[in-house]
Amino acid sequence: MSEARTALIDANLLALWIIGQVSEAEVPRCRRTRHYSIDDYRMLAKYLSRFSQVLIIPNIATETSNLIGALSGDYLQKARGILAAALRVWDECYIPSVQAINEREYRRLGL
């Protein structure tokens, strides 16, 4: 029996993944992802395909929504649709900030 593999992805990479799905050509053009290449997007998409589940926290969802807001028109609507569809199936875990600051990862990652 294979065990479920879960990925935790940060907002910048999640924005890259979404914007790349909207249009690979938009990756180097969008101000939020211009420091990534199309190859970076493809590598990320391939890597994420290895996981059966994605785990996010509300802060990541909010920041990703803000980052993809750099798009406009049809691209923005498509990106919001991709994020909405993903949020319907991903696991979202809420950890109160007062609790998170007591975790060992806090000193390295912050909130």
C-alpha atoms as a PDB file:
ATOM      1  CA  MET A   1       0.000   0.000   0.000  1.00  0.00           C
ATOM      2  CA  SER A   2       1.480   3.376  -0.946  1.00  0.00           C
ATOM      3  CA  GLU A   3       1.199   6.184   1.531  1.00  0.00           C
ATOM      4  CA  ALA A   4      -0.214   9.568   0.593  1.00  0.00           C
ATOM      5  CA  ARG A   5       2.429  12.145  -0.180  1.00  0.00           C
ATOM      6  CA  THR A   6       1.649  15.688   0.860  1.00  0.00           C
ATOM      7  CA  ALA A   7       3.328  18.870  -0.356  1.00  0.00           C
ATOM      8  CA  LEU A   8       3.369  22.189   1.465  1.00  0.00           C
ATOM      9  CA  ILE A   9       3.938  24.993  -1.027  1.00  0.00           C
ATOM     10  CA  ASP A  10       4.630  28.650  -0.311  1.00  0.00           C
ATOM     11  CA  ALA A  11       2.767  31.552  -1.878  1.00  0.00           C
ATOM     12  CA  ASN A  12       5.452  32.561  -4.387  1.00  0.00           C
ATOM     13  CA  LEU A  13       5.751  29.077  -5.848  1.00  0.00           C
ATOM     14  CA  LEU A  14       2.000  28.612  -5.783  1.00  0.00           C
ATOM     15  CA  ALA A  15       1.606  31.855  -7.743  1.00  0.00           C
ATOM     16  CA  LEU A  16       4.200  30.599 -10.240  1.00  0.00           C
ATOM     17  CA  TRP A  17       2.317  27.320 -10.605  1.00  0.00           C
ATOM     18  CA  ILE A  18      -1.002  29.093 -11.188  1.00  0.00           C
ATOM     19  CA  ILE A  19       0.338  31.754 -13.558  1.00  0.00           C
ATOM     20  CA  GLY A  20       2.174  29.094 -15.543  1.00  0.00           C
ATOM     21  CA  GLN A  21      -1.085  27.209 -15.981  1.00  0.00           C
ATOM     22  CA  VAL A  22      -2.798  30.358 -17.194  1.00  0.00           C
ATOM     23  CA  SER A  23      -0.037  31.005 -19.742  1.00  0.00           C
ATOM     24  CA  GLU A  24       3.544  29.810 -19.693  1.00  0.00           C
ATOM     25  CA  ALA A  25       4.482  32.904 -21.690  1.00  0.00           C
ATOM     26  CA  GLU A  26       3.121  35.072 -18.881  1.00  0.00           C
ATOM     27  CA  VAL A  27       5.626  33.686 -16.330  1.00  0.00           C
ATOM     28  CA  PRO A  28       8.559  35.910 -17.368  1.00  0.00           C
ATOM     29  CA  ARG A  29       6.235  38.855 -18.145  1.00  0.00           C
ATOM     30  CA  CYS A  30       4.232  39.030 -14.904  1.00  0.00           C
ATOM     31  CA  ARG A  31       5.885  41.279 -12.316  1.00  0.00           C
ATOM     32  CA  ARG A  32       5.280  38.691  -9.588  1.00  0.00           C
ATOM     33  CA  THR A  33       6.959  35.829 -11.468  1.00  0.00           C
ATOM     34  CA  ARG A  34       9.410  37.543 -13.818  1.00  0.00           C
ATOM     35  CA  HIS A  35      12.385  36.234 -11.823  1.00  0.00           C
ATOM     36  CA  TYR A  36      11.303  32.692 -12.811  1.00  0.00           C
ATOM     37  CA  SER A  37      11.631  31.102 -16.234  1.00  0.00           C
ATOM     38  CA  ILE A  38       9.208  28.911 -18.129  1.00  0.00           C
ATOM     39  CA  ASP A  39      11.556  26.011 -17.359  1.00  0.00           C
ATOM     40  CA  ASP A  40      11.244  26.823 -13.641  1.00  0.00           C
ATOM     41  CA  TYR A  41       7.460  26.603 -13.973  1.00  0.00           C
ATOM     42  CA  ARG A  42       7.675  23.292 -15.830  1.00  0.00           C
ATOM     43  CA  MET A  43      10.044  21.857 -13.231  1.00  0.00           C
ATOM     44  CA  LEU A  44       7.712  22.936 -10.415  1.00  0.00           C
ATOM     45  CA  ALA A  45       4.657  21.491 -12.167  1.00  0.00           C
ATOM     46  CA  LYS A  46       6.451  18.189 -12.711  1.00  0.00           C
ATOM     47  CA  TYR A  47       7.612  18.115  -9.089  1.00  0.00           C
ATOM     48  CA  LEU A  48       4.136  18.857  -7.710  1.00  0.00           C
ATOM     49  CA  SER A  49       2.602  16.123  -9.848  1.00  0.00           C
ATOM     50  CA  ARG A  50       4.401  13.603  -7.600  1.00  0.00           C
ATOM     51  CA  PHE A  51       2.200  14.528  -4.647  1.00  0.00           C
ATOM     52  CA  SER A  52      -1.295  13.247  -4.032  1.00  0.00           C
ATOM     53  CA  GLN A  53      -2.213  16.050  -1.641  1.00  0.00           C
ATOM     54  CA  VAL A  54      -1.360  19.705  -1.144  1.00  0.00           C
ATOM     55  CA  LEU A  55      -1.482  21.358   2.247  1.00  0.00           C
ATOM     56  CA  ILE A  56      -1.772  25.105   2.646  1.00  0.00           C
ATOM     57  CA  ILE A  57      -2.539  27.546   5.416  1.00  0.00           C
ATOM     58  CA  PRO A  58      -4.874  30.549   5.109  1.00  0.00           C
ATOM     59  CA  ASN A  59      -1.898  32.937   5.007  1.00  0.00           C
ATOM     60  CA  ILE A  60      -0.576  31.150   1.891  1.00  0.00           C
ATOM     61  CA  ALA A  61      -3.968  31.239   0.196  1.00  0.00           C
ATOM     62  CA  THR A  62      -4.349  34.960   0.904  1.00  0.00           C
ATOM     63  CA  GLU A  63      -0.836  35.874  -0.235  1.00  0.00           C
ATOM     64  CA  THR A  64      -1.198  33.773  -3.384  1.00  0.00           C
ATOM     65  CA  SER A  65      -4.442  35.563  -4.180  1.00  0.00           C
ATOM     66  CA  ASN A  66      -2.626  38.886  -3.738  1.00  0.00           C
ATOM     67  CA  LEU A  67       0.278  37.782  -5.966  1.00  0.00           C
ATOM     68  CA  ILE A  68      -1.897  36.578  -8.840  1.00  0.00           C
ATOM     69  CA  GLY A  69      -3.726  39.918  -8.581  1.00  0.00           C
ATOM     70  CA  ALA A  70      -0.839  41.324 -10.644  1.00  0.00           C
ATOM     71  CA  LEU A  71      -2.557  39.755 -13.643  1.00  0.00           C
ATOM     72  CA  SER A  72      -5.467  41.458 -15.367  1.00  0.00           C
ATOM     73  CA  GLY A  73      -8.433  40.718 -17.569  1.00  0.00           C
ATOM     74  CA  ASP A  74      -8.958  37.144 -18.720  1.00  0.00           C
ATOM     75  CA  TYR A  75      -5.634  36.034 -17.250  1.00  0.00           C
ATOM     76  CA  LEU A  76      -6.692  37.204 -13.790  1.00  0.00           C
ATOM     77  CA  GLN A  77     -10.070  35.518 -14.060  1.00  0.00           C
ATOM     78  CA  LYS A  78      -8.445  32.266 -15.194  1.00  0.00           C
ATOM     79  CA  ALA A  79      -5.894  32.413 -12.360  1.00  0.00           C
ATOM     80  CA  ARG A  80      -8.598  33.018  -9.758  1.00  0.00           C
ATOM     81  CA  GLY A  81     -10.550  30.099 -11.188  1.00  0.00           C
ATOM     82  CA  ILE A  82      -7.508  27.809 -10.896  1.00  0.00           C
ATOM     83  CA  LEU A  83      -6.904  28.896  -7.301  1.00  0.00           C
ATOM     84  CA  ALA A  84     -10.589  28.425  -6.425  1.00  0.00           C
ATOM     85  CA  ALA A  85     -10.664  24.938  -7.950  1.00  0.00           C
ATOM     86  CA  ALA A  86      -7.502  23.956  -6.091  1.00  0.00           C
ATOM     87  CA  LEU A  87      -8.793  25.283  -2.771  1.00  0.00           C
ATOM     88  CA  ARG A  88     -11.849  23.061  -3.124  1.00  0.00           C
ATOM     89  CA  VAL A  89      -9.695  19.915  -3.051  1.00  0.00           C
ATOM     90  CA  TRP A  90      -6.608  20.869  -1.057  1.00  0.00           C
ATOM     91  CA  ASP A  91      -6.291  20.548   2.691  1.00  0.00           C
ATOM     92  CA  GLU A  92      -6.213  23.879   4.489  1.00  0.00           C
ATOM     93  CA  CYS A  93      -4.812  23.868   7.986  1.00  0.00           C
ATOM     94  CA  TYR A  94      -5.327  26.768  10.363  1.00  0.00           C
ATOM     95  CA  ILE A  95      -2.807  27.346  13.132  1.00  0.00           C
ATOM     96  CA  PRO A  96      -3.372  30.412  15.316  1.00  0.00           C
ATOM     97  CA  SER A  97      -0.372  32.767  15.165  1.00  0.00           C
ATOM     98  CA  VAL A  98       0.038  32.650  18.930  1.00  0.00           C
ATOM     99  CA  GLN A  99       0.486  28.889  18.617  1.00  0.00           C
ATOM    100  CA  ALA A 100       2.679  29.075  15.505  1.00  0.00           C
ATOM    101  CA  ILE A 101       5.250  31.317  17.192  1.00  0.00           C
ATOM    102  CA  ASN A 102       5.915  28.501  19.659  1.00  0.00           C
ATOM    103  CA  GLU A 103       6.826  26.033  16.901  1.00  0.00           C
ATOM    104  CA  ARG A 104      10.519  25.502  16.187  1.00  0.00           C
ATOM    105  CA  GLU A 105      10.050  26.388  12.510  1.00  0.00           C
ATOM    106  CA  TYR A 106       8.911  29.894  13.454  1.00  0.00           C
ATOM    107  CA  ARG A 107      12.472  31.186  14.014  1.00  0.00           C
ATOM    108  CA  ARG A 108      13.514  30.018  10.536  1.00  0.00           C
ATOM    109  CA  LEU A 109      10.333  30.609   8.522  1.00  0.00           C
ATOM    110  CA  GLY A 110       8.344  33.216  10.432  1.00  0.00           C
ATOM    111  CA  LEU A 111       4.575  33.200  10.094  1.00  0.00           C
END
